[in-house]
Amino acid sequence: MATGYGPGTAGDEDKHKHKHSGEVQMACRGNDFSRRLGWGLLLTLGALLTPFAASAEPAAETDRIIATRWLMNDCGLDDWQRLENKVKSRASVLEPMFVEAAENGPDRDLMAETERVAAARFDRRQKVLADPSNPMRLNPEDLEILRGISREQFIATEKGNLTVRYKAQAIAGLALVNGAAGRKTLEKIAQDASSPVQSNAQDALKKLSAGK
């Protein structure tokens, strides 16, 4: 379950089990995912994040960049407390962006770029795994398991992990801004047993109810 309101992670994507869970840890940890995608793409994503009409004021480009940083967990680009304060100060504008992200996850452009990056990463990894000198010093069992993962499985796992992280980050953002529309979204997700971030929404609501 969530443990706070900072960025979330979905586990070590390099582990051969390739599982992801809604119990995403909300702590500002190093996450190289956004660096693999490239900051230029993240700025493009920021331009695509448009608020609903329900927001109190229109979103500026800086607001979209703040939302993007939060959703993509790029801890290294800004002091975490400063980023959190920025989110709070622009709560009415950022809330509809977080609602959209929590309900729908990454958009098609981001998913397509994730697939491209994952495919290239898979190719590089396969070359290492095929090296008879075993440079990673894996035991035979783990080596066999990793070699048995297909390109399709690897890419699907990367996209699934992104979706969970992205939605978990949006939930953390909604808990931070604590608006009416956000609470409604949290309540809906908390009741959805099929959602991989159900426990995140439930925990966020508990913390909000407790006044934390």
C-alpha atoms as a PDB file:
ATOM      1  CA  MET A   1       0.000   0.000   0.000  1.00  0.00           C
ATOM      2  CA  ALA A   2       1.023   3.613  -0.258  1.00  0.00           C
ATOM      3  CA  THR A   3       3.186   4.936   2.530  1.00  0.00           C
ATOM      4  CA  GLY A   4       3.093   8.678   1.845  1.00  0.00           C
ATOM      5  CA  TYR A   5       2.547  11.228  -0.863  1.00  0.00           C
ATOM      6  CA  GLY A   6       5.858  11.229  -2.701  1.00  0.00           C
ATOM      7  CA  PRO A   7       6.727   9.501  -5.998  1.00  0.00           C
ATOM      8  CA  GLY A   8       5.995   5.803  -6.359  1.00  0.00           C
ATOM      9  CA  THR A   9       7.853   2.861  -7.810  1.00  0.00           C
ATOM     10  CA  ALA A  10       6.612  -0.469  -9.080  1.00  0.00           C
ATOM     11  CA  GLY A  11       9.540  -2.670  -8.210  1.00  0.00           C
ATOM     12  CA  ASP A  12      12.771  -3.663  -9.922  1.00  0.00           C
ATOM     13  CA  GLU A  13      11.908  -4.079 -13.600  1.00  0.00           C
ATOM     14  CA  ASP A  14      15.058  -6.136 -14.174  1.00  0.00           C
ATOM     15  CA  LYS A  15      14.044  -8.982 -11.886  1.00  0.00           C
ATOM     16  CA  HIS A  16      13.127 -12.049 -13.859  1.00  0.00           C
ATOM     17  CA  LYS A  17       9.745 -12.461 -12.184  1.00  0.00           C
ATOM     18  CA  HIS A  18       8.505  -9.309 -13.952  1.00  0.00           C
ATOM     19  CA  LYS A  19       5.565  -8.683 -11.662  1.00  0.00           C
ATOM     20  CA  HIS A  20       3.906  -5.389 -10.800  1.00  0.00           C
ATOM     21  CA  SER A  21       1.567  -4.540  -7.957  1.00  0.00           C
ATOM     22  CA  GLY A  22      -0.771  -1.801  -6.839  1.00  0.00           C
ATOM     23  CA  GLU A  23       1.113  -1.675  -3.558  1.00  0.00           C
ATOM     24  CA  VAL A  24       3.405   1.033  -4.867  1.00  0.00           C
ATOM     25  CA  GLN A  25       5.800   2.618  -2.407  1.00  0.00           C
ATOM     26  CA  MET A  26       5.324   6.396  -2.216  1.00  0.00           C
ATOM     27  CA  ALA A  27       8.836   7.634  -1.488  1.00  0.00           C
ATOM     28  CA  CYS A  28      11.220   9.809  -3.448  1.00  0.00           C
ATOM     29  CA  ARG A  29      13.568   7.161  -4.767  1.00  0.00           C
ATOM     30  CA  GLY A  30      15.887   7.150  -7.742  1.00  0.00           C
ATOM     31  CA  ASN A  31      13.903   6.108 -10.791  1.00  0.00           C
ATOM     32  CA  ASP A  32      15.737   6.159 -14.114  1.00  0.00           C
ATOM     33  CA  PHE A  33      12.605   5.545 -16.152  1.00  0.00           C
ATOM     34  CA  SER A  34      12.169   9.191 -17.144  1.00  0.00           C
ATOM     35  CA  ARG A  35      15.853   9.445 -18.003  1.00  0.00           C
ATOM     36  CA  ARG A  36      15.521   6.437 -20.314  1.00  0.00           C
ATOM     37  CA  LEU A  37      12.595   8.115 -22.065  1.00  0.00           C
ATOM     38  CA  GLY A  38      14.349  11.453 -22.258  1.00  0.00           C
ATOM     39  CA  TRP A  39      13.454  14.808 -20.763  1.00  0.00           C
ATOM     40  CA  GLY A  40      12.403  16.139 -24.157  1.00  0.00           C
ATOM     41  CA  LEU A  41       9.612  13.580 -24.303  1.00  0.00           C
ATOM     42  CA  LEU A  42       8.509  14.519 -20.811  1.00  0.00           C
ATOM     43  CA  LEU A  43       8.171  18.147 -21.847  1.00  0.00           C
ATOM     44  CA  THR A  44       6.106  16.981 -24.807  1.00  0.00           C
ATOM     45  CA  LEU A  45       3.947  14.973 -22.434  1.00  0.00           C
ATOM     46  CA  GLY A  46       3.503  18.099 -20.340  1.00  0.00           C
ATOM     47  CA  ALA A  47       2.076  19.899 -23.346  1.00  0.00           C
ATOM     48  CA  LEU A  48      -0.442  17.092 -23.785  1.00  0.00           C
ATOM     49  CA  LEU A  49      -1.715  17.316 -20.215  1.00  0.00           C
ATOM     50  CA  THR A  50      -4.718  19.613 -20.546  1.00  0.00           C
ATOM     51  CA  PRO A  51      -7.080  20.395 -17.669  1.00  0.00           C
ATOM     52  CA  PHE A  52     -10.808  19.702 -17.586  1.00  0.00           C
ATOM     53  CA  ALA A  53     -13.207  22.610 -17.696  1.00  0.00           C
ATOM     54  CA  ALA A  54     -13.830  22.082 -13.981  1.00  0.00           C
ATOM     55  CA  SER A  55     -10.486  23.651 -13.030  1.00  0.00           C
ATOM     56  CA  ALA A  56     -10.662  27.114 -11.510  1.00  0.00           C
ATOM     57  CA  GLU A  57      -8.157  28.607 -13.936  1.00  0.00           C
ATOM     58  CA  PRO A  58      -6.366  27.579 -17.130  1.00  0.00           C
ATOM     59  CA  ALA A  59      -3.135  25.635 -16.906  1.00  0.00           C
ATOM     60  CA  ALA A  60       0.069  27.338 -17.942  1.00  0.00           C
ATOM     61  CA  GLU A  61       2.985  25.504 -19.516  1.00  0.00           C
ATOM     62  CA  THR A  62       4.754  25.531 -16.155  1.00  0.00           C
ATOM     63  CA  ASP A  63       1.776  23.738 -14.599  1.00  0.00           C
ATOM     64  CA  ARG A  64       1.972  20.984 -17.178  1.00  0.00           C
ATOM     65  CA  ILE A  65       5.680  20.594 -16.512  1.00  0.00           C
ATOM     66  CA  ILE A  66       5.025  20.348 -12.766  1.00  0.00           C
ATOM     67  CA  ALA A  67       2.388  17.677 -13.387  1.00  0.00           C
ATOM     68  CA  THR A  68       4.743  15.790 -15.668  1.00  0.00           C
ATOM     69  CA  ARG A  69       7.562  15.838 -13.131  1.00  0.00           C
ATOM     70  CA  TRP A  70       5.236  14.516 -10.483  1.00  0.00           C
ATOM     71  CA  LEU A  71       3.699  11.799 -12.622  1.00  0.00           C
ATOM     72  CA  MET A  72       7.019  10.618 -14.028  1.00  0.00           C
ATOM     73  CA  ASN A  73       8.843  10.640 -10.694  1.00  0.00           C
ATOM     74  CA  ASP A  74      11.908  12.548 -11.867  1.00  0.00           C
ATOM     75  CA  CYS A  75      13.339  13.077  -8.396  1.00  0.00           C
ATOM     76  CA  GLY A  76      16.711  14.329  -9.510  1.00  0.00           C
ATOM     77  CA  LEU A  77      15.452  17.475 -11.249  1.00  0.00           C
ATOM     78  CA  ASP A  78      14.083  19.298  -8.257  1.00  0.00           C
ATOM     79  CA  ASP A  79      14.177  19.260  -4.513  1.00  0.00           C
ATOM     80  CA  TRP A  80      11.258  17.088  -3.471  1.00  0.00           C
ATOM     81  CA  GLN A  81       9.834  19.481  -0.891  1.00  0.00           C
ATOM     82  CA  ARG A  82       9.890  22.305  -3.419  1.00  0.00           C
ATOM     83  CA  LEU A  83       8.033  20.173  -5.956  1.00  0.00           C
ATOM     84  CA  GLU A  84       5.450  19.199  -3.375  1.00  0.00           C
ATOM     85  CA  ASN A  85       4.952  22.858  -2.479  1.00  0.00           C
ATOM     86  CA  LYS A  86       4.509  23.733  -6.151  1.00  0.00           C
ATOM     87  CA  VAL A  87       1.825  21.064  -6.506  1.00  0.00           C
ATOM     88  CA  LYS A  88      -0.009  22.385  -3.449  1.00  0.00           C
ATOM     89  CA  SER A  89       0.186  25.972  -4.681  1.00  0.00           C
ATOM     90  CA  ARG A  90      -1.379  25.013  -8.027  1.00  0.00           C
ATOM     91  CA  ALA A  91      -3.843  22.476  -6.658  1.00  0.00           C
ATOM     92  CA  SER A  92      -6.946  23.685  -8.511  1.00  0.00           C
ATOM     93  CA  VAL A  93      -5.162  23.548 -11.871  1.00  0.00           C
ATOM     94  CA  LEU A  94      -3.290  20.285 -11.320  1.00  0.00           C
ATOM     95  CA  GLU A  95      -6.189  18.347  -9.819  1.00  0.00           C
ATOM     96  CA  PRO A  96      -7.997  17.641 -13.144  1.00  0.00           C
ATOM     97  CA  MET A  97      -4.703  16.499 -14.672  1.00  0.00           C
ATOM     98  CA  PHE A  98      -4.195  14.042 -11.841  1.00  0.00           C
ATOM     99  CA  VAL A  99      -7.811  12.851 -12.141  1.00  0.00           C
ATOM    100  CA  GLU A 100      -7.255  12.123 -15.832  1.00  0.00           C
ATOM    101  CA  ALA A 101      -3.980  10.306 -15.097  1.00  0.00           C
ATOM    102  CA  ALA A 102      -5.428   8.261 -12.234  1.00  0.00           C
ATOM    103  CA  GLU A 103      -8.411   7.126 -14.267  1.00  0.00           C
ATOM    104  CA  ASN A 104      -6.812   6.546 -17.666  1.00  0.00           C
ATOM    105  CA  GLY A 105      -3.077   6.147 -17.104  1.00  0.00           C
ATOM    106  CA  PRO A 106      -0.467   7.197 -19.683  1.00  0.00           C
ATOM    107  CA  ASP A 107      -1.662   8.452 -23.055  1.00  0.00           C
ATOM    108  CA  ARG A 108      -0.950   6.749 -26.385  1.00  0.00           C
ATOM    109  CA  ASP A 109       2.118   8.839 -27.160  1.00  0.00           C
ATOM    110  CA  LEU A 110       3.811   7.973 -23.898  1.00  0.00           C
ATOM    111  CA  MET A 111       2.909   4.292 -24.219  1.00  0.00           C
ATOM    112  CA  ALA A 112       4.291   4.227 -27.755  1.00  0.00           C
ATOM    113  CA  GLU A 113       7.550   5.799 -26.628  1.00  0.00           C
ATOM    114  CA  THR A 114       7.720   3.363 -23.727  1.00  0.00           C
ATOM    115  CA  GLU A 115       7.354   0.492 -26.173  1.00  0.00           C
ATOM    116  CA  ARG A 116      10.128   1.882 -28.348  1.00  0.00           C
ATOM    117  CA  VAL A 117      12.494   2.319 -25.414  1.00  0.00           C
ATOM    118  CA  ALA A 118      11.628  -1.116 -24.014  1.00  0.00           C
ATOM    119  CA  ALA A 119      12.242  -2.804 -27.370  1.00  0.00           C
ATOM    120  CA  ALA A 120      15.688  -1.222 -27.666  1.00  0.00           C
ATOM    121  CA  ARG A 121      16.500  -2.154 -24.103  1.00  0.00           C
ATOM    122  CA  PHE A 122      15.373  -5.730 -24.710  1.00  0.00           C
ATOM    123  CA  ASP A 123      17.700  -6.000 -27.726  1.00  0.00           C
ATOM    124  CA  ARG A 124      20.652  -4.757 -25.689  1.00  0.00           C
ATOM    125  CA  ARG A 125      19.825  -7.142 -22.883  1.00  0.00           C
ATOM    126  CA  GLN A 126      19.539 -10.100 -25.236  1.00  0.00           C
ATOM    127  CA  LYS A 127      23.044  -9.465 -26.532  1.00  0.00           C
ATOM    128  CA  VAL A 128      24.386  -9.594 -23.000  1.00  0.00           C
ATOM    129  CA  LEU A 129      22.424 -12.737 -22.179  1.00  0.00           C
ATOM    130  CA  ALA A 130      23.677 -14.421 -25.341  1.00  0.00           C
ATOM    131  CA  ASP A 131      27.313 -13.766 -24.437  1.00  0.00           C
ATOM    132  CA  PRO A 132      28.826 -17.176 -23.564  1.00  0.00           C
ATOM    133  CA  SER A 133      31.168 -15.519 -21.062  1.00  0.00           C
ATOM    134  CA  ASN A 134      28.109 -14.670 -18.916  1.00  0.00           C
ATOM    135  CA  PRO A 135      29.260 -11.106 -18.023  1.00  0.00           C
ATOM    136  CA  MET A 136      26.373 -10.696 -15.565  1.00  0.00           C
ATOM    137  CA  ARG A 137      27.611 -13.741 -13.624  1.00  0.00           C
ATOM    138  CA  LEU A 138      24.115 -15.216 -13.398  1.00  0.00           C
ATOM    139  CA  ASN A 139      23.534 -18.735 -12.228  1.00  0.00           C
ATOM    140  CA  PRO A 140      22.309 -21.156 -14.920  1.00  0.00           C
ATOM    141  CA  GLU A 141      18.721 -21.192 -13.644  1.00  0.00           C
ATOM    142  CA  ASP A 142      18.324 -17.411 -13.684  1.00  0.00           C
ATOM    143  CA  LEU A 143      20.052 -17.181 -17.041  1.00  0.00           C
ATOM    144  CA  GLU A 144      17.619 -19.674 -18.534  1.00  0.00           C
ATOM    145  CA  ILE A 145      14.625 -17.801 -17.111  1.00  0.00           C
ATOM    146  CA  LEU A 146      15.799 -14.462 -18.477  1.00  0.00           C
ATOM    147  CA  ARG A 147      16.576 -15.901 -21.884  1.00  0.00           C
ATOM    148  CA  GLY A 148      13.077 -17.382 -21.970  1.00  0.00           C
ATOM    149  CA  ILE A 149      11.352 -14.009 -21.704  1.00  0.00           C
ATOM    150  CA  SER A 150      10.092 -12.978 -25.119  1.00  0.00           C
ATOM    151  CA  ARG A 151      10.218  -9.475 -26.561  1.00  0.00           C
ATOM    152  CA  GLU A 152       6.431  -9.239 -26.281  1.00  0.00           C
ATOM    153  CA  GLN A 153       6.498 -10.249 -22.610  1.00  0.00           C
ATOM    154  CA  PHE A 154       9.286  -7.807 -21.800  1.00  0.00           C
ATOM    155  CA  ILE A 155       7.562  -4.874 -23.498  1.00  0.00           C
ATOM    156  CA  ALA A 156       4.201  -5.723 -21.934  1.00  0.00           C
ATOM    157  CA  THR A 157       5.823  -5.773 -18.499  1.00  0.00           C
ATOM    158  CA  GLU A 158       7.487  -2.402 -19.051  1.00  0.00           C
ATOM    159  CA  LYS A 159       4.198  -0.857 -20.176  1.00  0.00           C
ATOM    160  CA  GLY A 160       2.337  -2.456 -17.284  1.00  0.00           C
ATOM    161  CA  ASN A 161       4.867  -1.166 -14.767  1.00  0.00           C
ATOM    162  CA  LEU A 162       4.627   2.320 -16.256  1.00  0.00           C
ATOM    163  CA  THR A 163       0.848   2.294 -15.985  1.00  0.00           C
ATOM    164  CA  VAL A 164       0.917   1.274 -12.330  1.00  0.00           C
ATOM    165  CA  ARG A 165       3.591   3.849 -11.419  1.00  0.00           C
ATOM    166  CA  TYR A 166       1.808   6.590 -13.346  1.00  0.00           C
ATOM    167  CA  LYS A 167      -1.579   5.931 -11.769  1.00  0.00           C
ATOM    168  CA  ALA A 168      -0.041   5.589  -8.318  1.00  0.00           C
ATOM    169  CA  GLN A 169       1.676   8.942  -8.754  1.00  0.00           C
ATOM    170  CA  ALA A 170      -1.612  10.515  -9.828  1.00  0.00           C
ATOM    171  CA  ILE A 171      -3.316   9.123  -6.724  1.00  0.00           C
ATOM    172  CA  ALA A 172      -0.533  10.575  -4.575  1.00  0.00           C
ATOM    173  CA  GLY A 173      -1.078  13.910  -6.299  1.00  0.00           C
ATOM    174  CA  LEU A 174      -4.816  13.806  -5.646  1.00  0.00           C
ATOM    175  CA  ALA A 175      -4.183  13.034  -1.990  1.00  0.00           C
ATOM    176  CA  LEU A 176      -1.833  15.994  -1.789  1.00  0.00           C
ATOM    177  CA  VAL A 177      -4.144  18.552  -3.420  1.00  0.00           C
ATOM    178  CA  ASN A 178      -7.164  17.138  -1.536  1.00  0.00           C
ATOM    179  CA  GLY A 179      -9.955  18.501  -3.711  1.00  0.00           C
ATOM    180  CA  ALA A 180     -13.551  17.385  -4.127  1.00  0.00           C
ATOM    181  CA  ALA A 181     -13.094  15.988  -7.640  1.00  0.00           C
ATOM    182  CA  GLY A 182      -9.973  14.156  -6.543  1.00  0.00           C
ATOM    183  CA  ARG A 183     -11.709  12.572  -3.559  1.00  0.00           C
ATOM    184  CA  LYS A 184     -14.492  11.360  -5.832  1.00  0.00           C
ATOM    185  CA  THR A 185     -11.921   9.737  -8.109  1.00  0.00           C
ATOM    186  CA  LEU A 186     -10.115   8.176  -5.157  1.00  0.00           C
ATOM    187  CA  GLU A 187     -13.387   6.740  -3.869  1.00  0.00           C
ATOM    188  CA  LYS A 188     -14.180   5.239  -7.277  1.00  0.00           C
ATOM    189  CA  ILE A 189     -10.766   3.604  -7.599  1.00  0.00           C
ATOM    190  CA  ALA A 190     -10.859   2.419  -3.989  1.00  0.00           C
ATOM    191  CA  GLN A 191     -14.025   0.458  -4.793  1.00  0.00           C
ATOM    192  CA  ASP A 192     -12.645  -1.048  -8.000  1.00  0.00           C
ATOM    193  CA  ALA A 193     -11.274  -4.499  -7.185  1.00  0.00           C
ATOM    194  CA  SER A 194      -9.847  -4.816 -10.704  1.00  0.00           C
ATOM    195  CA  SER A 195      -7.621  -1.750 -10.345  1.00  0.00           C
ATOM    196  CA  PRO A 196      -3.930  -2.448  -9.656  1.00  0.00           C
ATOM    197  CA  VAL A 197      -3.837   0.728  -7.566  1.00  0.00           C
ATOM    198  CA  GLN A 198      -6.958   0.066  -5.501  1.00  0.00           C
ATOM    199  CA  SER A 199      -4.941  -0.199  -2.284  1.00  0.00           C
ATOM    200  CA  ASN A 200      -3.198   3.092  -3.048  1.00  0.00           C
ATOM    201  CA  ALA A 201      -6.534   4.872  -3.311  1.00  0.00           C
ATOM    202  CA  GLN A 202      -7.833   3.203  -0.164  1.00  0.00           C
ATOM    203  CA  ASP A 203      -4.753   4.208   1.794  1.00  0.00           C
ATOM    204  CA  ALA A 204      -4.900   7.774   0.469  1.00  0.00           C
ATOM    205  CA  LEU A 205      -8.505   8.100   1.611  1.00  0.00           C
ATOM    206  CA  LYS A 206      -7.634   6.760   5.063  1.00  0.00           C
ATOM    207  CA  LYS A 207      -4.852   9.303   5.427  1.00  0.00           C
ATOM    208  CA  LEU A 208      -7.099  12.125   4.263  1.00  0.00           C
ATOM    209  CA  SER A 209      -9.839  11.056   6.673  1.00  0.00           C
ATOM    210  CA  ALA A 210      -7.307  10.992   9.499  1.00  0.00           C
ATOM    211  CA  GLY A 211      -6.235  14.500   8.585  1.00  0.00           C
ATOM    212  CA  LYS A 212      -2.669  13.466   7.745  1.00  0.00           C
END
